[in-house]
Amino acid sequence: MALLLPLGYWHRWGETHYRRLYVSSILIFVVIFNQMAESPTFIIPVVGFVLWFMHYRRSTPLAWPLFILVALFTSLSATDIYPHFIRDGFFDAYKIKAVPMILAWFVIQGQLLFYPRWRERLAASAEANEQEAQAAQAAIQ
């Protein structure tokens, strides 16, 4: 039900920011609330998070802490950066890799549910990222 609540703003579907937020939310939702999700399937919510992060990291001060949590606990939890006993005894046993994704999903859902309030901040964040990319492109040339 929480995934469908933002569709109350269906008239906003024509806005790129709203669609991008909703796609990010769906990509995260399909894995984090699936109790049978295996480790390789976590690439799907990570893509949803990165899509949100690349465009809206400036919209909330929680973006960078979430990025660090996703990197450490979701992306790197299956690698050799952590000792075997921590990977098997902690990450796999307690499904810790889903926790940062759940937090990210709540942030994105909050932005969707209160979209009229977030609209200007999201647009400003995306515009700042676009200007940064254009500056980087100009520096390369």
N, C-alpha and C. Protein backbone atom coordinates (compact mmCIF):
# COMPACT_ATOMS: atom_id res chain seq x y z
N MET A 1 0.81 -1.18 0.00
CA MET A 1 0.00 0.00 0.00
C MET A 1 0.86 1.26 0.00
N ALA A 2 1.99 1.22 0.75
CA ALA A 2 2.87 2.39 0.82
C ALA A 2 3.47 2.72 -0.53
N LEU A 3 3.68 1.71 -1.37
CA LEU A 3 4.23 1.96 -2.70
C LEU A 3 3.22 2.67 -3.59
N LEU A 4 1.95 2.40 -3.39
CA LEU A 4 0.91 2.98 -4.24
C LEU A 4 0.40 4.33 -3.76
N LEU A 5 0.64 4.69 -2.51
CA LEU A 5 0.15 5.96 -1.99
C LEU A 5 0.61 7.17 -2.81
N PRO A 6 1.86 7.24 -3.26
CA PRO A 6 2.26 8.41 -4.04
C PRO A 6 1.52 8.57 -5.36
N LEU A 7 0.83 7.54 -5.80
CA LEU A 7 0.07 7.67 -7.05
C LEU A 7 -1.12 8.61 -6.90
N GLY A 8 -1.36 9.08 -5.69
CA GLY A 8 -2.36 10.12 -5.49
C GLY A 8 -2.00 11.40 -6.23
N TYR A 9 -0.72 11.55 -6.54
CA TYR A 9 -0.25 12.69 -7.32
C TYR A 9 -0.10 12.30 -8.79
N TRP A 10 -1.01 11.48 -9.27
CA TRP A 10 -0.94 10.96 -10.63
C TRP A 10 -0.84 12.09 -11.66
N HIS A 11 -1.45 13.22 -11.38
CA HIS A 11 -1.40 14.34 -12.31
C HIS A 11 0.02 14.89 -12.45
N ARG A 12 0.92 14.51 -11.57
CA ARG A 12 2.33 14.93 -11.65
C ARG A 12 3.16 13.99 -12.51
N TRP A 13 2.56 12.94 -13.03
CA TRP A 13 3.30 11.92 -13.77
C TRP A 13 4.05 12.51 -14.97
N GLY A 14 3.60 13.61 -15.50
CA GLY A 14 4.29 14.25 -16.62
C GLY A 14 5.62 14.90 -16.25
N GLU A 15 5.86 15.06 -14.95
CA GLU A 15 7.10 15.68 -14.50
C GLU A 15 8.21 14.63 -14.38
N THR A 16 9.35 14.95 -14.94
CA THR A 16 10.48 14.02 -14.96
C THR A 16 10.92 13.64 -13.55
N HIS A 17 10.95 14.60 -12.66
CA HIS A 17 11.43 14.32 -11.30
C HIS A 17 10.51 13.32 -10.58
N TYR A 18 9.22 13.47 -10.76
CA TYR A 18 8.28 12.55 -10.13
C TYR A 18 8.46 11.14 -10.67
N ARG A 19 8.56 11.02 -11.98
CA ARG A 19 8.75 9.68 -12.59
C ARG A 19 10.06 9.05 -12.14
N ARG A 20 11.11 9.85 -12.09
CA ARG A 20 12.42 9.33 -11.69
C ARG A 20 12.38 8.84 -10.24
N LEU A 21 11.74 9.60 -9.37
CA LEU A 21 11.61 9.17 -7.98
C LEU A 21 10.82 7.88 -7.87
N TYR A 22 9.74 7.78 -8.63
CA TYR A 22 8.88 6.60 -8.54
C TYR A 22 9.59 5.36 -9.08
N VAL A 23 10.33 5.50 -10.15
CA VAL A 23 11.09 4.36 -10.68
C VAL A 23 12.14 3.92 -9.66
N SER A 24 12.82 4.88 -9.04
CA SER A 24 13.80 4.53 -8.01
C SER A 24 13.14 3.77 -6.87
N SER A 25 11.98 4.23 -6.47
CA SER A 25 11.25 3.59 -5.39
C SER A 25 10.87 2.15 -5.75
N ILE A 26 10.39 1.95 -6.95
CA ILE A 26 10.00 0.60 -7.38
C ILE A 26 11.20 -0.33 -7.45
N LEU A 27 12.32 0.16 -7.99
CA LEU A 27 13.52 -0.68 -8.09
C LEU A 27 13.99 -1.14 -6.71
N ILE A 28 13.90 -0.28 -5.73
CA ILE A 28 14.30 -0.66 -4.38
C ILE A 28 13.26 -1.59 -3.75
N PHE A 29 11.99 -1.26 -3.92
CA PHE A 29 10.90 -2.00 -3.29
C PHE A 29 10.87 -3.47 -3.69
N VAL A 30 11.09 -3.78 -4.97
CA VAL A 30 10.91 -5.15 -5.44
C VAL A 30 11.88 -6.13 -4.79
N VAL A 31 12.99 -5.65 -4.26
CA VAL A 31 13.95 -6.56 -3.64
C VAL A 31 13.91 -6.50 -2.12
N ILE A 32 13.79 -5.31 -1.55
CA ILE A 32 13.92 -5.23 -0.09
C ILE A 32 12.75 -5.86 0.65
N PHE A 33 11.60 -5.94 0.02
CA PHE A 33 10.46 -6.55 0.69
C PHE A 33 10.20 -7.97 0.17
N ASN A 34 11.19 -8.57 -0.44
CA ASN A 34 11.11 -9.95 -0.90
C ASN A 34 12.00 -10.78 0.02
N GLN A 35 11.41 -11.58 0.88
CA GLN A 35 12.19 -12.34 1.85
C GLN A 35 13.06 -13.42 1.20
N MET A 36 12.81 -13.74 -0.06
CA MET A 36 13.60 -14.75 -0.76
C MET A 36 14.70 -14.14 -1.63
N ALA A 37 14.91 -12.84 -1.54
CA ALA A 37 15.92 -12.17 -2.36
C ALA A 37 17.31 -12.68 -2.01
N GLU A 38 18.07 -12.99 -3.02
CA GLU A 38 19.43 -13.46 -2.84
C GLU A 38 20.39 -12.30 -3.03
N SER A 39 21.62 -12.51 -2.64
CA SER A 39 22.62 -11.46 -2.70
C SER A 39 22.79 -10.83 -4.09
N PRO A 40 22.85 -11.61 -5.17
CA PRO A 40 23.02 -10.98 -6.49
C PRO A 40 21.86 -10.09 -6.92
N THR A 41 20.68 -10.31 -6.37
CA THR A 41 19.54 -9.48 -6.78
C THR A 41 19.60 -8.08 -6.19
N PHE A 42 20.51 -7.84 -5.27
CA PHE A 42 20.60 -6.51 -4.67
C PHE A 42 21.19 -5.48 -5.64
N ILE A 43 21.61 -5.90 -6.81
CA ILE A 43 22.03 -4.94 -7.82
C ILE A 43 20.84 -4.09 -8.26
N ILE A 44 19.64 -4.64 -8.20
CA ILE A 44 18.43 -3.91 -8.63
C ILE A 44 18.16 -2.72 -7.71
N PRO A 45 18.10 -2.90 -6.38
CA PRO A 45 17.87 -1.70 -5.55
C PRO A 45 19.05 -0.74 -5.55
N VAL A 46 20.25 -1.26 -5.73
CA VAL A 46 21.41 -0.37 -5.80
C VAL A 46 21.29 0.54 -7.02
N VAL A 47 20.83 0.00 -8.14
CA VAL A 47 20.61 0.83 -9.34
C VAL A 47 19.55 1.89 -9.05
N GLY A 48 18.48 1.52 -8.37
CA GLY A 48 17.46 2.49 -8.00
C GLY A 48 18.01 3.58 -7.10
N PHE A 49 18.83 3.19 -6.13
CA PHE A 49 19.43 4.17 -5.24
C PHE A 49 20.37 5.10 -5.99
N VAL A 50 21.21 4.53 -6.85
CA VAL A 50 22.16 5.35 -7.60
C VAL A 50 21.43 6.31 -8.54
N LEU A 51 20.34 5.87 -9.13
CA LEU A 51 19.53 6.76 -9.98
C LEU A 51 19.05 7.95 -9.16
N TRP A 52 18.55 7.69 -7.97
CA TRP A 52 18.11 8.78 -7.09
C TRP A 52 19.30 9.64 -6.67
N PHE A 53 20.38 9.00 -6.26
CA PHE A 53 21.54 9.72 -5.74
C PHE A 53 22.17 10.63 -6.79
N MET A 54 22.29 10.15 -8.00
CA MET A 54 22.93 10.94 -9.06
C MET A 54 22.15 12.22 -9.36
N HIS A 55 20.86 12.19 -9.22
CA HIS A 55 20.06 13.36 -9.56
C HIS A 55 19.67 14.22 -8.35
N TYR A 56 19.51 13.61 -7.18
CA TYR A 56 18.92 14.33 -6.06
C TYR A 56 19.75 14.32 -4.78
N ARG A 57 21.04 14.07 -4.88
CA ARG A 57 21.87 14.00 -3.68
C ARG A 57 21.92 15.33 -2.94
N ARG A 58 21.70 16.41 -3.64
CA ARG A 58 21.72 17.71 -2.98
C ARG A 58 20.37 18.07 -2.36
N SER A 59 19.36 17.26 -2.58
CA SER A 59 18.02 17.60 -2.08
C SER A 59 17.85 17.32 -0.59
N THR A 60 18.71 16.50 -0.01
CA THR A 60 18.59 16.16 1.41
C THR A 60 19.98 15.92 2.00
N PRO A 61 20.18 16.31 3.25
CA PRO A 61 21.47 16.05 3.89
C PRO A 61 21.69 14.56 4.20
N LEU A 62 20.67 13.73 4.04
CA LEU A 62 20.81 12.30 4.29
C LEU A 62 21.43 11.55 3.12
N ALA A 63 21.64 12.20 1.99
CA ALA A 63 22.11 11.51 0.79
C ALA A 63 23.49 10.88 0.98
N TRP A 64 24.46 11.64 1.46
CA TRP A 64 25.81 11.08 1.60
C TRP A 64 25.90 10.02 2.69
N PRO A 65 25.28 10.20 3.85
CA PRO A 65 25.29 9.09 4.82
C PRO A 65 24.64 7.83 4.27
N LEU A 66 23.55 7.99 3.53
CA LEU A 66 22.92 6.82 2.90
C LEU A 66 23.84 6.18 1.87
N PHE A 67 24.54 7.00 1.11
CA PHE A 67 25.48 6.48 0.12
C PHE A 67 26.56 5.63 0.79
N ILE A 68 27.09 6.12 1.89
CA ILE A 68 28.14 5.38 2.60
C ILE A 68 27.58 4.07 3.15
N LEU A 69 26.38 4.11 3.73
CA LEU A 69 25.76 2.89 4.24
C LEU A 69 25.49 1.88 3.14
N VAL A 70 24.99 2.35 2.00
CA VAL A 70 24.72 1.45 0.88
C VAL A 70 26.02 0.85 0.37
N ALA A 71 27.06 1.67 0.27
CA ALA A 71 28.34 1.15 -0.21
C ALA A 71 28.91 0.11 0.74
N LEU A 72 28.92 0.40 2.03
CA LEU A 72 29.54 -0.50 3.01
C LEU A 72 28.72 -1.75 3.29
N PHE A 73 27.41 -1.59 3.44
CA PHE A 73 26.60 -2.71 3.89
C PHE A 73 25.86 -3.45 2.79
N THR A 74 25.56 -2.79 1.68
CA THR A 74 24.84 -3.47 0.62
C THR A 74 25.78 -3.91 -0.49
N SER A 75 26.59 -3.00 -0.98
CA SER A 75 27.44 -3.33 -2.13
C SER A 75 28.66 -4.17 -1.74
N LEU A 76 29.31 -3.81 -0.66
CA LEU A 76 30.56 -4.48 -0.30
C LEU A 76 30.41 -5.64 0.68
N SER A 77 29.20 -5.91 1.13
CA SER A 77 29.03 -6.95 2.14
C SER A 77 29.31 -8.36 1.62
N ALA A 78 29.22 -8.55 0.31
CA ALA A 78 29.47 -9.88 -0.25
C ALA A 78 30.90 -10.02 -0.77
N THR A 79 31.74 -9.04 -0.54
CA THR A 79 33.11 -9.09 -1.06
C THR A 79 34.09 -9.53 0.03
N ASP A 80 35.33 -9.66 -0.36
CA ASP A 80 36.37 -10.09 0.57
C ASP A 80 36.89 -8.95 1.45
N ILE A 81 36.30 -7.79 1.34
CA ILE A 81 36.71 -6.67 2.19
C ILE A 81 36.38 -6.98 3.66
N TYR A 82 35.34 -7.78 3.87
CA TYR A 82 34.96 -8.21 5.20
C TYR A 82 35.41 -9.66 5.38
N PRO A 83 35.90 -10.02 6.56
CA PRO A 83 36.29 -11.41 6.81
C PRO A 83 35.11 -12.36 6.66
N HIS A 84 35.43 -13.59 6.36
CA HIS A 84 34.42 -14.62 6.10
C HIS A 84 33.43 -14.78 7.26
N PHE A 85 33.95 -14.79 8.49
CA PHE A 85 33.04 -15.00 9.63
C PHE A 85 32.08 -13.82 9.81
N ILE A 86 32.46 -12.63 9.42
CA ILE A 86 31.55 -11.48 9.52
C ILE A 86 30.50 -11.57 8.40
N ARG A 87 30.95 -11.91 7.19
CA ARG A 87 30.01 -12.03 6.07
C ARG A 87 28.93 -13.07 6.36
N ASP A 88 29.36 -14.25 6.76
CA ASP A 88 28.40 -15.35 6.98
C ASP A 88 27.63 -15.20 8.29
N GLY A 89 28.31 -14.77 9.34
CA GLY A 89 27.67 -14.71 10.65
C GLY A 89 26.87 -13.46 10.92
N PHE A 90 27.15 -12.40 10.20
CA PHE A 90 26.49 -11.13 10.49
C PHE A 90 25.64 -10.65 9.32
N PHE A 91 26.26 -10.45 8.16
CA PHE A 91 25.53 -9.90 7.01
C PHE A 91 24.46 -10.86 6.49
N ASP A 92 24.82 -12.11 6.30
CA ASP A 92 23.86 -13.07 5.76
C ASP A 92 22.81 -13.49 6.80
N ALA A 93 23.25 -13.70 8.02
CA ALA A 93 22.33 -14.18 9.05
C ALA A 93 21.26 -13.15 9.41
N TYR A 94 21.63 -11.89 9.44
CA TYR A 94 20.68 -10.86 9.88
C TYR A 94 20.15 -10.00 8.73
N LYS A 95 20.50 -10.34 7.51
CA LYS A 95 20.03 -9.59 6.33
C LYS A 95 20.34 -8.10 6.45
N ILE A 96 21.53 -7.79 6.92
CA ILE A 96 21.94 -6.40 7.14
C ILE A 96 22.01 -5.62 5.84
N LYS A 97 22.27 -6.29 4.74
CA LYS A 97 22.41 -5.55 3.48
C LYS A 97 21.12 -4.89 3.04
N ALA A 98 19.99 -5.28 3.59
CA ALA A 98 18.72 -4.65 3.22
C ALA A 98 18.45 -3.38 4.02
N VAL A 99 19.08 -3.21 5.16
CA VAL A 99 18.78 -2.08 6.03
C VAL A 99 19.05 -0.72 5.36
N PRO A 100 20.22 -0.49 4.75
CA PRO A 100 20.42 0.81 4.09
C PRO A 100 19.43 1.04 2.95
N MET A 101 19.07 -0.03 2.27
CA MET A 101 18.10 0.11 1.17
C MET A 101 16.71 0.47 1.70
N ILE A 102 16.35 -0.08 2.86
CA ILE A 102 15.06 0.27 3.47
C ILE A 102 15.06 1.74 3.87
N LEU A 103 16.16 2.20 4.46
CA LEU A 103 16.27 3.62 4.83
C LEU A 103 16.18 4.51 3.60
N ALA A 104 16.87 4.13 2.53
CA ALA A 104 16.82 4.92 1.29
C ALA A 104 15.41 4.92 0.71
N TRP A 105 14.74 3.76 0.78
CA TRP A 105 13.38 3.69 0.27
C TRP A 105 12.45 4.62 1.04
N PHE A 106 12.62 4.68 2.36
CA PHE A 106 11.79 5.59 3.17
C PHE A 106 12.04 7.06 2.80
N VAL A 107 13.29 7.41 2.54
CA VAL A 107 13.59 8.79 2.13
C VAL A 107 12.92 9.10 0.79
N ILE A 108 13.05 8.19 -0.17
CA ILE A 108 12.45 8.39 -1.49
C ILE A 108 10.93 8.43 -1.38
N GLN A 109 10.36 7.53 -0.59
CA GLN A 109 8.91 7.53 -0.41
C GLN A 109 8.44 8.84 0.24
N GLY A 110 9.22 9.35 1.18
CA GLY A 110 8.88 10.63 1.79
C GLY A 110 8.87 11.75 0.76
N GLN A 111 9.84 11.72 -0.14
CA GLN A 111 9.88 12.74 -1.19
C GLN A 111 8.70 12.58 -2.15
N LEU A 112 8.30 11.36 -2.39
CA LEU A 112 7.14 11.13 -3.26
C LEU A 112 5.83 11.52 -2.58
N LEU A 113 5.68 11.14 -1.33
CA LEU A 113 4.43 11.43 -0.62
C LEU A 113 4.22 12.92 -0.39
N PHE A 114 5.30 13.63 -0.21
CA PHE A 114 5.22 15.08 -0.01
C PHE A 114 5.82 15.80 -1.21
N TYR A 115 5.54 15.28 -2.39
CA TYR A 115 6.15 15.79 -3.61
C TYR A 115 5.95 17.29 -3.83
N PRO A 116 4.77 17.85 -3.60
CA PRO A 116 4.63 19.30 -3.82
C PRO A 116 5.62 20.13 -2.99
N ARG A 117 5.92 19.67 -1.78
CA ARG A 117 6.89 20.38 -0.93
C ARG A 117 8.32 20.18 -1.42
N TRP A 118 8.62 19.01 -1.96
CA TRP A 118 9.98 18.67 -2.38
C TRP A 118 10.27 19.11 -3.81
N ARG A 119 9.28 19.45 -4.56
CA ARG A 119 9.41 19.68 -5.99
C ARG A 119 10.52 20.67 -6.34
N GLU A 120 10.54 21.82 -5.68
CA GLU A 120 11.55 22.83 -5.99
C GLU A 120 12.95 22.38 -5.59
N ARG A 121 13.06 21.71 -4.43
CA ARG A 121 14.37 21.23 -4.00
C ARG A 121 14.91 20.17 -4.95
N LEU A 122 14.05 19.29 -5.41
CA LEU A 122 14.47 18.25 -6.35
C LEU A 122 14.91 18.87 -7.68
N ALA A 123 14.14 19.84 -8.16
CA ALA A 123 14.49 20.50 -9.42
C ALA A 123 15.81 21.25 -9.29
N ALA A 124 16.01 21.95 -8.16
CA ALA A 124 17.26 22.67 -7.95
C ALA A 124 18.45 21.72 -7.86
N SER A 125 18.25 20.58 -7.21
CA SER A 125 19.30 19.58 -7.10
C SER A 125 19.68 19.02 -8.47
N ALA A 126 18.68 18.67 -9.26
CA ALA A 126 18.94 18.13 -10.60
C ALA A 126 19.60 19.18 -11.49
N GLU A 127 19.18 20.44 -11.36
CA GLU A 127 19.77 21.51 -12.16
C GLU A 127 21.22 21.74 -11.77
N ALA A 128 21.53 21.71 -10.48
CA ALA A 128 22.91 21.87 -10.03
C ALA A 128 23.78 20.73 -10.54
N ASN A 129 23.26 19.52 -10.55
CA ASN A 129 24.02 18.38 -11.08
C ASN A 129 24.26 18.54 -12.57
N GLU A 130 23.26 19.06 -13.29
CA GLU A 130 23.42 19.26 -14.72
C GLU A 130 24.46 20.34 -15.01
N GLN A 131 24.46 21.42 -14.25
CA GLN A 131 25.46 22.47 -14.42
C GLN A 131 26.85 21.96 -14.11
N GLU A 132 26.96 21.13 -13.09
CA GLU A 132 28.25 20.53 -12.73
C GLU A 132 28.76 19.63 -13.86
N ALA A 133 27.87 18.88 -14.45
CA ALA A 133 28.25 18.00 -15.57
C ALA A 133 28.68 18.83 -16.78
N GLN A 134 27.99 19.92 -17.06
CA GLN A 134 28.37 20.79 -18.18
C GLN A 134 29.72 21.44 -17.93
N ALA A 135 29.99 21.85 -16.68
CA ALA A 135 31.29 22.43 -16.34
C ALA A 135 32.40 21.40 -16.52
N ALA A 136 32.14 20.18 -16.10
CA ALA A 136 33.13 19.12 -16.27
C ALA A 136 33.37 18.82 -17.74
N GLN A 137 32.30 18.83 -18.53
CA GLN A 137 32.43 18.60 -19.97
C GLN A 137 33.24 19.72 -20.62
N ALA A 138 33.01 20.95 -20.21
CA ALA A 138 33.75 22.09 -20.76
C ALA A 138 35.21 22.02 -20.36
N ALA A 139 35.50 21.57 -19.14
CA ALA A 139 36.88 21.43 -18.69
C ALA A 139 37.63 20.38 -19.48
N ILE A 140 36.93 19.33 -19.87
CA ILE A 140 37.54 18.26 -20.66
C ILE A 140 37.91 18.75 -22.05
N GLN A 141 37.02 19.57 -22.61
CA GLN A 141 37.26 20.05 -23.98
C GLN A 141 38.23 21.18 -23.92
